[in-house]
């Protein structure tokens, strides 16, 4: 590891520099950061900017944009993305630009080293919290940065290896997205938009779809409630948009703890109903086994006239509709009472079953793509660790 001055730090706040001359410039925010080190321009904002005031703040190819403010306990600040776009772009005051000294460090190599630093939690040492916002002590972080620093030629070779591994995982991610889009298209073709309900299906409260159960937490002051082998105790982290079924729990209840818990059987839908952000409300996954779960989750154990696969896809497409019923407090919440009253379309069981049969093949292909993604993620992470230790050359 070497500690060297590799970066010119360029602060980029643009607040107070709005203009009225009609010059519209895209502004990159932390919402445009993916967790994989890439830009996502889907929701980029456009602003009228006084160009004369921001000439020295335009992004350049090879710049690395770093998240310096915001974050959360589960998503610390310090995420980085690589800028390689044509045209004029700026970034807002929750970010800064790290401009590599290219005579010493190859930009893409530095990106991966910074990505690893955040991934492995090293940026946590440079954080402070003020008025509820987590900030990165950026000048200190940049000054104290230590990374392996082989020759520029070797840096380029390492970056190329990591780029290839990243391309593989991107391919698998996009394949999964295509399968999700195909399932959504099939749903809309058969049932129409569930909120607009242009096909005129009857709408019923969710409590008419199945038994609604809110999870709970057996007392923590009794260690005998928890064990490693009786029944899984799920949290909202186990409800992942990438997977149809809930993921494996990290914590289990004992038989004693289970006697105080709430549970569902195979085929139930678990829904995240308490979260720190509105985006996390409404996430849903099916159970393929008997599980218990905590109070941040509402579950629907479907009645005999509801197909679980139909219900799952209904929730996937209706996520915004569900979020609109959540409270607007600091912690977003969808109570059992409010949850039960949400109106959803309920076609005949025959049509639901037809949809489930058609979607099964797509889900099988998606599962294969997810398994391939896990392997490509493992490959990428393994190469990153070797790069961070100076073992990849």
Protein backbone atom coordinates (compact mmCIF):
# COMPACT_ATOMS: atom_id res chain seq x y z
CA UNK A 1 0.00 0.00 0.00
CA UNK A 2 1.20 3.49 -0.82
CA UNK A 3 -0.12 6.85 0.35
CA UNK A 4 0.32 9.29 -2.51
CA UNK A 5 -1.35 12.43 -3.79
CA UNK A 6 -3.40 10.91 -6.60
CA UNK A 7 -6.41 13.20 -6.76
CA UNK A 8 -7.34 16.80 -7.36
CA UNK A 9 -10.40 17.39 -5.20
CA UNK A 10 -12.94 19.62 -6.89
CA UNK A 11 -15.94 20.73 -4.89
CA UNK A 12 -19.08 20.99 -7.02
CA UNK A 13 -21.99 22.66 -5.25
CA UNK A 14 -24.14 24.61 -7.69
CA UNK A 15 -26.85 25.93 -5.36
CA UNK A 16 -27.46 29.63 -5.91
CA UNK A 17 -26.20 29.51 -9.48
CA UNK A 18 -29.51 29.01 -11.23
CA UNK A 19 -30.01 31.16 -14.29
CA UNK A 20 -32.83 32.36 -16.48
CA UNK A 21 -30.98 32.43 -19.79
CA UNK A 22 -32.59 29.20 -20.98
CA UNK A 23 -29.39 27.14 -20.77
CA UNK A 24 -30.58 23.74 -19.57
CA UNK A 25 -27.90 21.48 -18.10
CA UNK A 26 -28.28 17.96 -16.64
CA UNK A 27 -27.29 17.77 -12.97
CA UNK A 28 -26.10 14.47 -11.51
CA UNK A 29 -27.34 13.67 -7.99
CA UNK A 30 -26.76 10.76 -5.64
CA UNK A 31 -30.05 9.30 -6.88
CA UNK A 32 -28.17 8.74 -10.15
CA UNK A 33 -25.60 6.53 -8.37
CA UNK A 34 -25.90 2.78 -8.73
CA UNK A 35 -24.35 0.63 -6.02
CA UNK A 36 -22.12 -0.93 -8.69
CA UNK A 37 -20.08 2.19 -9.50
CA UNK A 38 -22.08 3.18 -12.57
CA UNK A 39 -24.24 6.16 -13.44
CA UNK A 40 -27.99 5.72 -13.88
CA UNK A 41 -29.39 8.66 -15.81
CA UNK A 42 -33.01 7.48 -15.78
CA UNK A 43 -34.20 10.22 -13.40
CA UNK A 44 -31.59 12.90 -14.05
CA UNK A 45 -32.82 16.45 -13.47
CA UNK A 46 -32.39 19.37 -15.85
CA UNK A 47 -31.73 22.86 -14.51
CA UNK A 48 -31.37 26.34 -15.96
CA UNK A 49 -27.83 27.31 -15.00
CA UNK A 50 -25.80 30.49 -15.39
CA UNK A 51 -23.01 29.02 -17.57
CA UNK A 52 -20.56 31.81 -16.75
CA UNK A 53 -20.59 30.78 -13.08
CA UNK A 54 -20.04 27.07 -13.64
CA UNK A 55 -17.42 26.96 -16.40
CA UNK A 56 -14.81 25.51 -14.01
CA UNK A 57 -17.31 23.02 -12.59
CA UNK A 58 -18.09 21.04 -15.72
CA UNK A 59 -17.39 17.35 -15.46
CA UNK A 60 -14.61 15.86 -17.54
CA UNK A 61 -14.18 12.35 -18.89
CA UNK A 62 -12.30 10.26 -16.35
CA UNK A 63 -13.72 12.15 -13.36
CA UNK A 64 -14.92 10.13 -10.39
CA UNK A 65 -18.00 11.53 -8.64
CA UNK A 66 -18.20 10.69 -4.94
CA UNK A 67 -21.19 10.88 -2.62
CA UNK A 68 -20.13 13.13 0.24
CA UNK A 69 -23.44 13.76 2.04
CA UNK A 70 -26.63 11.82 2.72
CA UNK A 71 -26.39 8.09 3.26
CA UNK A 72 -28.02 6.04 5.99
CA UNK A 73 -26.96 3.51 8.63
CA UNK A 74 -27.44 0.73 6.09
CA UNK A 75 -25.99 2.68 3.15
CA UNK A 76 -23.01 4.78 4.32
CA UNK A 77 -21.81 7.68 2.20
CA UNK A 78 -18.80 7.28 -0.04
CA UNK A 79 -20.31 5.62 -3.09
CA UNK A 80 -18.47 6.44 -6.33
CA UNK A 81 -19.40 6.49 -10.01
CA UNK A 82 -17.31 6.95 -13.13
CA UNK A 83 -18.01 9.80 -15.56
CA UNK A 84 -17.35 9.15 -19.25
CA UNK A 85 -20.19 10.99 -21.02
CA UNK A 86 -20.14 13.48 -23.86
CA UNK A 87 -21.57 16.95 -23.37
CA UNK A 88 -21.93 19.36 -20.46
CA UNK A 89 -22.85 17.90 -17.06
CA UNK A 90 -22.68 19.21 -13.51
CA UNK A 91 -23.22 17.54 -10.15
CA UNK A 92 -24.97 18.85 -7.06
CA UNK A 93 -23.75 19.83 -3.61
CA UNK A 94 -24.23 16.36 -2.10
CA UNK A 95 -21.34 15.20 -4.28
CA UNK A 96 -17.79 16.18 -5.14
CA UNK A 97 -15.48 15.36 -8.01
CA UNK A 98 -12.24 13.44 -7.67
CA UNK A 99 -10.09 14.20 -10.71
CA UNK A 100 -7.26 11.64 -10.96
CA UNK A 101 -3.71 12.80 -11.61
CA UNK A 102 -3.38 10.71 -14.73
CA UNK A 103 0.40 10.75 -14.78
CA UNK A 104 0.27 8.70 -11.56
CA UNK A 105 -3.00 6.75 -11.59
CA UNK A 106 -5.26 5.34 -14.30
CA UNK A 107 -8.80 6.74 -13.65
CA UNK A 108 -10.69 3.45 -13.94
CA UNK A 109 -8.15 1.72 -11.68
CA UNK A 110 -8.68 4.43 -9.07
CA UNK A 111 -12.45 4.05 -9.39
CA UNK A 112 -12.23 0.37 -8.51
CA UNK A 113 -9.94 1.06 -5.55
CA UNK A 114 -12.38 3.68 -4.21
CA UNK A 115 -15.28 1.31 -4.86
CA UNK A 116 -13.53 -1.37 -2.81
CA UNK A 117 -12.77 1.13 -0.05
CA UNK A 118 -16.47 1.93 0.31
CA UNK A 119 -17.57 -1.68 -0.17
CA UNK A 120 -15.34 -2.92 2.64
CA UNK A 121 -16.36 -0.10 4.98
CA UNK A 122 -13.17 1.98 5.05
CA UNK A 123 -15.09 5.18 4.35
CA UNK A 124 -16.94 4.61 7.66
CA UNK A 125 -13.82 5.92 9.42
CA UNK A 126 -14.28 9.30 7.76
CA UNK A 127 -17.92 10.02 8.55
CA UNK A 128 -19.61 12.44 10.86
CA UNK A 129 -23.28 13.19 11.41
CA UNK A 130 -24.73 16.69 11.59
CA UNK A 131 -28.42 17.62 11.72
CA UNK A 132 -29.39 14.08 10.79
CA UNK A 133 -27.21 14.00 7.66
CA UNK A 134 -24.13 11.80 7.35
CA UNK A 135 -21.15 13.62 5.83
CA UNK A 136 -17.87 12.29 4.51
CA UNK A 137 -14.72 14.04 5.76
CA UNK A 138 -13.59 14.13 2.18
CA UNK A 139 -10.38 16.14 2.36
CA UNK A 140 -9.02 13.88 5.10
CA UNK A 141 -10.16 10.74 3.27
CA UNK A 142 -8.45 11.79 0.03
CA UNK A 143 -5.28 12.87 1.84
CA UNK A 144 -4.97 9.61 3.76
CA UNK A 145 -5.96 7.32 0.90
CA UNK A 146 -3.62 4.35 0.55
CA UNK A 147 -3.84 1.94 -2.37
CA UNK A 148 -1.56 -0.50 -4.20
CA UNK A 149 0.13 1.50 -6.96
CA UNK A 150 1.77 -0.60 -9.65
CA UNK A 151 2.90 0.90 -12.97
CA UNK A 152 0.34 2.69 -15.13
CA UNK A 153 0.50 -0.17 -17.62
CA UNK A 154 -0.33 -2.68 -14.89
CA UNK A 155 -3.11 -0.44 -13.57
CA UNK A 156 -4.65 -0.39 -17.05
CA UNK A 157 -4.42 -4.18 -17.28
CA UNK A 158 -6.08 -4.62 -13.87
CA UNK A 159 -8.86 -2.18 -14.78
CA UNK A 160 -9.46 -4.06 -18.04
CA UNK A 161 -9.79 -7.38 -16.15
CA UNK A 162 -12.30 -5.85 -13.72
CA UNK A 163 -14.20 -4.21 -16.60
CA UNK A 164 -14.65 -7.62 -18.26
CA UNK A 165 -15.90 -9.17 -15.02
CA UNK A 166 -18.26 -6.23 -14.52
CA UNK A 167 -19.60 -6.62 -18.07
CA UNK A 168 -20.50 -10.23 -17.28
CA UNK A 169 -22.49 -9.33 -14.17
CA UNK A 170 -24.15 -6.44 -16.04
CA UNK A 171 -25.24 -8.87 -18.75
CA UNK A 172 -26.86 -11.15 -16.17
CA UNK A 173 -28.51 -8.21 -14.42
CA UNK A 174 -30.01 -6.96 -17.69
CA UNK A 175 -31.23 -10.45 -18.54
CA UNK A 176 -33.10 -10.59 -15.23
CA UNK A 177 -34.60 -7.16 -15.95
CA UNK A 178 -35.82 -8.42 -19.33
CA UNK A 179 -37.54 -11.39 -17.70
CA UNK A 180 -39.18 -9.04 -15.17
CA UNK A 181 -40.38 -6.82 -18.02
CA UNK A 182 -41.74 -9.86 -19.85
CA UNK A 183 -43.73 -10.96 -16.78
CA UNK A 184 -45.10 -7.45 -16.36
CA UNK A 185 -46.07 -7.32 -20.03
CA UNK A 186 -47.90 -10.65 -19.72
CA UNK A 187 -49.76 -9.40 -16.62
CA UNK A 188 -50.81 -6.15 -18.32
CA UNK A 189 -51.92 -8.02 -21.42
CA UNK A 190 -54.18 -10.32 -19.41
CA UNK A 191 -55.47 -7.98 -16.72
CA UNK A 192 -54.65 -4.41 -17.79
CA UNK A 193 -53.31 -1.76 -15.45
CA UNK A 194 -54.47 -2.77 -11.93
CA UNK A 195 -54.83 0.83 -10.75
CA UNK A 196 -56.66 2.30 -13.76
CA UNK A 197 -58.58 -0.98 -14.15
CA UNK A 198 -59.58 -0.29 -17.74
CA UNK A 199 -60.86 -3.89 -18.04
CA UNK A 200 -63.39 -3.34 -15.28
CA UNK A 201 -62.44 -6.10 -12.84
CA UNK A 202 -64.12 -6.03 -9.45
CA UNK A 203 -61.98 -4.33 -6.81
CA UNK A 204 -61.87 -5.72 -3.30
CA UNK A 205 -60.08 -4.83 -0.08
CA UNK A 206 -56.91 -6.83 0.56
CA UNK A 207 -58.53 -8.57 3.52
CA UNK A 208 -60.74 -10.31 0.91
CA UNK A 209 -57.64 -11.83 -0.72
CA UNK A 210 -56.41 -13.71 2.33
CA UNK A 211 -55.72 -13.67 6.04
CA UNK A 212 -53.64 -10.60 6.97
CA UNK A 213 -50.99 -11.22 9.62
CA UNK A 214 -48.56 -8.69 11.12
CA UNK A 215 -45.34 -10.19 12.41
CA UNK A 216 -43.82 -9.67 15.85
CA UNK A 217 -40.62 -10.00 17.86
CA UNK A 218 -40.50 -12.51 20.74
CA UNK A 219 -38.92 -10.85 23.83
CA UNK A 220 -35.22 -10.20 23.35
CA UNK A 221 -34.55 -10.30 27.08
CA UNK A 222 -35.05 -14.06 26.99
CA UNK A 223 -32.20 -15.69 25.07
CA UNK A 224 -34.08 -18.95 25.00
CA UNK A 225 -36.49 -17.48 22.44
CA UNK A 226 -33.76 -17.56 19.80
CA UNK A 227 -31.74 -20.42 18.35
CA UNK A 228 -30.05 -21.47 15.13
CA UNK A 229 -32.14 -24.44 14.06
CA UNK A 230 -35.89 -24.36 14.71
CA UNK A 231 -37.65 -21.85 12.41
CA UNK A 232 -36.49 -18.86 10.37
CA UNK A 233 -37.35 -15.40 11.66
CA UNK A 234 -37.48 -13.03 8.67
CA UNK A 235 -36.94 -9.29 8.43
CA UNK A 236 -37.57 -6.85 5.58
CA UNK A 237 -34.01 -7.51 4.33
CA UNK A 238 -35.27 -10.96 3.32
CA UNK A 239 -37.77 -9.36 0.93
CA UNK A 240 -35.68 -8.67 -2.15
CA UNK A 241 -37.12 -7.33 -5.40
CA UNK A 242 -34.70 -9.52 -7.33
CA UNK A 243 -36.22 -12.76 -6.08
CA UNK A 244 -39.73 -14.20 -6.18
CA UNK A 245 -39.22 -16.06 -2.89
CA UNK A 246 -37.97 -14.69 0.42
CA UNK A 247 -34.25 -15.18 1.04
CA UNK A 248 -32.76 -17.27 3.85
CA UNK A 249 -33.01 -15.71 7.30
CA UNK A 250 -29.91 -14.90 9.35
CA UNK A 251 -31.75 -15.40 12.62
CA UNK A 252 -33.89 -18.27 13.91
CA UNK A 253 -36.37 -18.74 16.72
CA UNK A 254 -36.31 -21.61 19.17
CA UNK A 255 -39.39 -23.74 19.75
CA UNK A 256 -40.10 -21.57 22.79
CA UNK A 257 -39.72 -18.38 20.75
CA UNK A 258 -41.89 -19.77 17.99
CA UNK A 259 -44.72 -20.30 20.46
CA UNK A 260 -44.79 -16.49 20.88
CA UNK A 261 -44.30 -15.64 17.22
CA UNK A 262 -46.54 -15.21 14.20
CA UNK A 263 -45.99 -17.28 11.11
CA UNK A 264 -47.24 -18.19 7.63
CA UNK A 265 -47.14 -21.31 5.51
CA UNK A 266 -45.84 -21.92 2.00
CA UNK A 267 -47.48 -19.63 -0.60
CA UNK A 268 -47.93 -16.53 1.59
CA UNK A 269 -46.95 -13.05 0.42
CA UNK A 270 -44.70 -11.04 2.76
CA UNK A 271 -44.83 -7.25 2.29
CA UNK A 272 -42.48 -4.63 3.78
CA UNK A 273 -44.79 -2.17 5.57
CA UNK A 274 -42.42 -0.25 7.89
CA UNK A 275 -39.25 1.31 6.47
CA UNK A 276 -37.02 4.36 6.60
CA UNK A 277 -37.91 5.43 3.05
CA UNK A 278 -41.01 5.30 0.90
CA UNK A 279 -39.12 3.35 -1.78
CA UNK A 280 -38.78 0.39 0.58
CA UNK A 281 -42.50 0.20 1.34
CA UNK A 282 -44.44 -2.35 -0.69
CA UNK A 283 -41.58 -4.70 -1.51
CA UNK A 284 -43.04 -8.20 -1.66
CA UNK A 285 -41.86 -11.81 -1.85
CA UNK A 286 -43.55 -15.19 -1.63
CA UNK A 287 -42.77 -17.90 0.91
CA UNK A 288 -41.84 -21.38 -0.27
CA UNK A 289 -41.69 -22.71 3.29
CA UNK A 290 -43.11 -22.08 6.75
CA UNK A 291 -41.53 -18.95 8.31
CA UNK A 292 -41.99 -16.47 11.15
CA UNK A 293 -41.34 -12.74 10.69
CA UNK A 294 -41.06 -9.41 12.49
CA UNK A 295 -43.47 -6.51 12.95
CA UNK A 296 -42.19 -4.54 9.95
CA UNK A 297 -43.90 -7.07 7.71
CA UNK A 298 -47.54 -7.67 6.89
CA UNK A 299 -48.30 -11.06 5.35
CA UNK A 300 -51.18 -12.31 3.24
CA UNK A 301 -51.95 -16.02 3.48
CA UNK A 302 -54.11 -16.31 0.34
CA UNK A 303 -57.60 -17.74 0.38
CA UNK A 304 -58.44 -20.61 -1.97
CA UNK A 305 -59.67 -18.22 -4.69
CA UNK A 306 -56.34 -16.36 -4.94
CA UNK A 307 -53.30 -17.72 -6.78
CA UNK A 308 -50.06 -16.74 -4.96
CA UNK A 309 -48.20 -16.10 -8.25
CA UNK A 310 -50.96 -13.76 -9.40
CA UNK A 311 -50.90 -11.96 -6.03
CA UNK A 312 -47.11 -11.55 -6.16
CA UNK A 313 -47.15 -10.01 -9.64
CA UNK A 314 -50.13 -7.83 -8.72
CA UNK A 315 -48.04 -6.33 -5.91
CA UNK A 316 -44.98 -5.91 -8.13
CA UNK A 317 -46.96 -3.81 -10.60
CA UNK A 318 -48.97 -1.97 -7.93
CA UNK A 319 -46.04 -0.91 -5.74
CA UNK A 320 -46.64 2.85 -6.15
CA UNK A 321 -50.33 2.36 -5.39
CA UNK A 322 -49.39 0.59 -2.15
CA UNK A 323 -46.86 3.27 -1.19
CA UNK A 324 -49.53 5.95 -1.57
CA UNK A 325 -51.31 4.45 1.48
CA UNK A 326 -48.26 4.75 3.77
CA UNK A 327 -47.91 7.46 6.42
CA UNK A 328 -45.68 10.47 5.74
CA UNK A 329 -43.73 10.50 9.01
CA UNK A 330 -39.98 10.18 9.55
CA UNK A 331 -40.51 6.42 9.42
CA UNK A 332 -42.80 5.35 6.61
CA UNK A 333 -45.49 2.99 7.86
CA UNK A 334 -48.39 1.02 6.48
CA UNK A 335 -50.47 -0.23 9.40
CA UNK A 336 -52.38 -3.49 9.28
CA UNK A 337 -55.65 -1.54 9.30
CA UNK A 338 -54.66 0.59 6.31
CA UNK A 339 -53.09 -2.36 4.54
CA UNK A 340 -56.28 -4.43 4.79
CA UNK A 341 -58.33 -1.65 3.18
CA UNK A 342 -56.22 -1.21 0.02
CA UNK A 343 -58.36 -1.96 -3.02
CA UNK A 344 -56.97 -4.38 -5.63
CA UNK A 345 -58.40 -6.00 -8.75
CA UNK A 346 -59.49 -9.61 -8.32
CA UNK A 347 -60.13 -11.50 -11.58
CA UNK A 348 -61.48 -15.03 -11.59
CA UNK A 349 -59.33 -17.82 -10.18
CA UNK A 350 -59.38 -19.48 -13.60
CA UNK A 351 -57.65 -16.46 -15.18
CA UNK A 352 -55.23 -16.15 -12.26
CA UNK A 353 -54.23 -19.79 -12.74
CA UNK A 354 -53.77 -19.29 -16.48
CA UNK A 355 -51.42 -16.40 -15.76
CA UNK A 356 -49.48 -18.46 -13.21
CA UNK A 357 -49.02 -21.29 -15.73
CA UNK A 358 -47.76 -18.91 -18.43
CA UNK A 359 -45.41 -17.08 -16.11
CA UNK A 360 -43.84 -20.27 -14.75
CA UNK A 361 -41.50 -20.73 -17.74
CA UNK A 362 -40.32 -17.12 -17.49
CA UNK A 363 -39.62 -17.57 -13.77
CA UNK A 364 -37.59 -20.70 -14.51
CA UNK A 365 -35.43 -18.79 -17.00
CA UNK A 366 -35.11 -15.90 -14.57
CA UNK A 367 -33.95 -18.28 -11.85
CA UNK A 368 -31.19 -19.58 -14.12
CA UNK A 369 -30.12 -16.00 -14.85
CA UNK A 370 -30.08 -15.23 -11.11
CA UNK A 371 -27.84 -18.23 -10.46
CA UNK A 372 -25.50 -17.02 -13.21
CA UNK A 373 -25.55 -13.53 -11.64
CA UNK A 374 -24.49 -14.93 -8.26
CA UNK A 375 -21.51 -16.64 -9.92
CA UNK A 376 -20.52 -13.52 -11.84
CA UNK A 377 -20.87 -11.40 -8.66
CA UNK A 378 -18.63 -13.84 -6.78
CA UNK A 379 -16.06 -13.66 -9.57
CA UNK A 380 -16.13 -9.85 -9.60
CA UNK A 381 -15.88 -9.56 -5.81
CA UNK A 382 -13.00 -12.04 -5.72
CA UNK A 383 -11.08 -10.07 -8.35
CA UNK A 384 -11.77 -6.83 -6.45
CA UNK A 385 -10.29 -8.26 -3.26
CA UNK A 386 -7.21 -9.42 -5.12
CA UNK A 387 -6.84 -5.97 -6.69
CA UNK A 388 -7.15 -4.30 -3.30
CA UNK A 389 -4.40 -6.56 -1.88
CA UNK A 390 -2.14 -5.89 -4.87
CA UNK A 391 -2.41 -9.51 -6.03
CA UNK A 392 -4.05 -8.89 -9.42
CA UNK A 393 -1.56 -8.12 -12.17
